[in-house]
Amino acid sequence: MVPKSEWPCWEIMKCEGSENCPARQRPDENCWDIAAEIDDYRRAFNICKDCIVYLLKADNSVLSKQEMQIILEQKSTCTLAQEMI
């Protein structure tokens, strides 16, 4: 099984149908590097550094692997709950 830290951002975030997403179009690049090139709210508010994808892939994350696993499990639970609505 491939570790989640190696998954592309759209799989971690469970994005649906966003074929025009720049990260999907350039899968070999980090999504935060792509977002830095796009001059929008992500760059203005430095959102990527708070994103679970960034934290999961960072070499020196402030969160432990166990904490990140809990967050990802909760995200899955929230996604499943939203699908049921």
C-alpha atoms as a PDB file:
ATOM      1  CA  MET A   1       0.000   0.000   0.000  1.00  0.00           C
ATOM      2  CA  VAL A   2       1.305   3.457  -0.949  1.00  0.00           C
ATOM      3  CA  PRO A   3       1.685   5.765   2.087  1.00  0.00           C
ATOM      4  CA  LYS A   4      -0.762   8.675   2.104  1.00  0.00           C
ATOM      5  CA  SER A   5       2.175  11.077   2.092  1.00  0.00           C
ATOM      6  CA  GLU A   6       2.855   9.941  -1.484  1.00  0.00           C
ATOM      7  CA  TRP A   7      -0.739  10.350  -2.685  1.00  0.00           C
ATOM      8  CA  PRO A   8      -1.536  13.323  -4.927  1.00  0.00           C
ATOM      9  CA  CYS A   9      -3.305  16.194  -3.186  1.00  0.00           C
ATOM     10  CA  TRP A  10      -6.661  15.530  -4.914  1.00  0.00           C
ATOM     11  CA  GLU A  11      -6.767  12.021  -3.451  1.00  0.00           C
ATOM     12  CA  ILE A  12      -5.869  13.233   0.053  1.00  0.00           C
ATOM     13  CA  MET A  13      -8.465  16.004  -0.135  1.00  0.00           C
ATOM     14  CA  LYS A  14     -10.986  13.744  -1.909  1.00  0.00           C
ATOM     15  CA  CYS A  15     -11.600  16.296  -4.680  1.00  0.00           C
ATOM     16  CA  GLU A  16     -14.310  15.337  -7.120  1.00  0.00           C
ATOM     17  CA  GLY A  17     -14.467  16.192 -10.804  1.00  0.00           C
ATOM     18  CA  SER A  18     -12.053  19.100 -10.849  1.00  0.00           C
ATOM     19  CA  GLU A  19     -10.387  18.182 -14.128  1.00  0.00           C
ATOM     20  CA  ASN A  20      -9.289  21.792 -14.670  1.00  0.00           C
ATOM     21  CA  CYS A  21      -7.318  21.756 -11.419  1.00  0.00           C
ATOM     22  CA  PRO A  22      -3.718  22.880 -12.041  1.00  0.00           C
ATOM     23  CA  ALA A  23      -2.426  20.235  -9.608  1.00  0.00           C
ATOM     24  CA  ARG A  24      -4.102  17.465 -11.619  1.00  0.00           C
ATOM     25  CA  GLN A  25      -2.635  18.877 -14.797  1.00  0.00           C
ATOM     26  CA  ARG A  26       0.866  18.902 -13.261  1.00  0.00           C
ATOM     27  CA  PRO A  27       0.884  15.846 -10.962  1.00  0.00           C
ATOM     28  CA  ASP A  28       4.676  15.713 -10.564  1.00  0.00           C
ATOM     29  CA  GLU A  29       4.770  19.096  -8.819  1.00  0.00           C
ATOM     30  CA  ASN A  30       3.742  20.008  -5.280  1.00  0.00           C
ATOM     31  CA  CYS A  31       0.323  21.629  -5.206  1.00  0.00           C
ATOM     32  CA  TRP A  32       1.632  24.453  -2.961  1.00  0.00           C
ATOM     33  CA  ASP A  33       4.325  25.297  -5.534  1.00  0.00           C
ATOM     34  CA  ILE A  34       1.643  25.484  -8.214  1.00  0.00           C
ATOM     35  CA  ALA A  35      -0.590  27.599  -5.952  1.00  0.00           C
ATOM     36  CA  ALA A  36       2.308  30.018  -5.368  1.00  0.00           C
ATOM     37  CA  GLU A  37       2.374  30.691  -9.111  1.00  0.00           C
ATOM     38  CA  ILE A  38      -1.334  31.520  -9.146  1.00  0.00           C
ATOM     39  CA  ASP A  39      -1.803  34.940  -7.647  1.00  0.00           C
ATOM     40  CA  ASP A  40      -5.012  34.336  -5.708  1.00  0.00           C
ATOM     41  CA  TYR A  41      -6.288  33.985  -2.142  1.00  0.00           C
ATOM     42  CA  ARG A  42      -4.110  30.930  -1.380  1.00  0.00           C
ATOM     43  CA  ARG A  43      -0.971  32.952  -1.825  1.00  0.00           C
ATOM     44  CA  ALA A  44      -2.363  36.100  -0.224  1.00  0.00           C
ATOM     45  CA  PHE A  45      -3.465  34.279   2.945  1.00  0.00           C
ATOM     46  CA  ASN A  46      -0.649  31.688   2.953  1.00  0.00           C
ATOM     47  CA  ILE A  47      -3.298  28.963   3.115  1.00  0.00           C
ATOM     48  CA  CYS A  48      -1.100  26.125   1.885  1.00  0.00           C
ATOM     49  CA  LYS A  49       1.025  26.085   5.044  1.00  0.00           C
ATOM     50  CA  ASP A  50      -2.099  25.206   7.056  1.00  0.00           C
ATOM     51  CA  CYS A  51      -3.272  22.529   4.624  1.00  0.00           C
ATOM     52  CA  ILE A  52      -3.129  18.854   5.656  1.00  0.00           C
ATOM     53  CA  VAL A  53      -1.488  17.986   2.312  1.00  0.00           C
ATOM     54  CA  TYR A  54       1.368  20.416   2.994  1.00  0.00           C
ATOM     55  CA  LEU A  55       1.736  19.169   6.572  1.00  0.00           C
ATOM     56  CA  LEU A  56       1.614  15.531   5.507  1.00  0.00           C
ATOM     57  CA  LYS A  57       4.318  15.984   2.887  1.00  0.00           C
ATOM     58  CA  ALA A  58       6.573  18.363   4.853  1.00  0.00           C
ATOM     59  CA  ASP A  59       9.876  17.053   6.148  1.00  0.00           C
ATOM     60  CA  ASN A  60       9.573  18.857   9.466  1.00  0.00           C
ATOM     61  CA  SER A  61       5.878  18.996  10.260  1.00  0.00           C
ATOM     62  CA  VAL A  62       4.659  20.307  13.594  1.00  0.00           C
ATOM     63  CA  LEU A  63       2.255  17.359  13.720  1.00  0.00           C
ATOM     64  CA  SER A  64       3.247  13.788  14.463  1.00  0.00           C
ATOM     65  CA  LYS A  65       2.382  11.005  12.028  1.00  0.00           C
ATOM     66  CA  GLN A  66      -0.216   9.783  14.522  1.00  0.00           C
ATOM     67  CA  GLU A  67      -1.844  13.236  14.714  1.00  0.00           C
ATOM     68  CA  MET A  68      -1.955  13.473  10.934  1.00  0.00           C
ATOM     69  CA  GLN A  69      -3.498  10.016  10.701  1.00  0.00           C
ATOM     70  CA  ILE A  70      -6.240  11.068  13.128  1.00  0.00           C
ATOM     71  CA  ILE A  71      -6.921  14.207  11.047  1.00  0.00           C
ATOM     72  CA  LEU A  72      -7.114  12.178   7.833  1.00  0.00           C
ATOM     73  CA  GLU A  73      -9.458   9.662   9.450  1.00  0.00           C
ATOM     74  CA  GLN A  74     -11.699  12.497  10.679  1.00  0.00           C
ATOM     75  CA  LYS A  75     -11.655  14.038   7.205  1.00  0.00           C
ATOM     76  CA  SER A  76     -12.817  10.713   5.764  1.00  0.00           C
ATOM     77  CA  THR A  77     -15.587  10.549   8.346  1.00  0.00           C
ATOM     78  CA  CYS A  78     -16.703  14.087   7.487  1.00  0.00           C
ATOM     79  CA  THR A  79     -16.628  13.329   3.760  1.00  0.00           C
ATOM     80  CA  LEU A  80     -18.728  10.207   4.236  1.00  0.00           C
ATOM     81  CA  ALA A  81     -21.219  12.113   6.398  1.00  0.00           C
ATOM     82  CA  GLN A  82     -21.565  14.828   3.739  1.00  0.00           C
ATOM     83  CA  GLU A  83     -22.217  12.196   1.066  1.00  0.00           C
ATOM     84  CA  MET A  84     -25.108  10.832   3.141  1.00  0.00           C
ATOM     85  CA  ILE A  85     -26.856  14.213   3.312  1.00  0.00           C
END
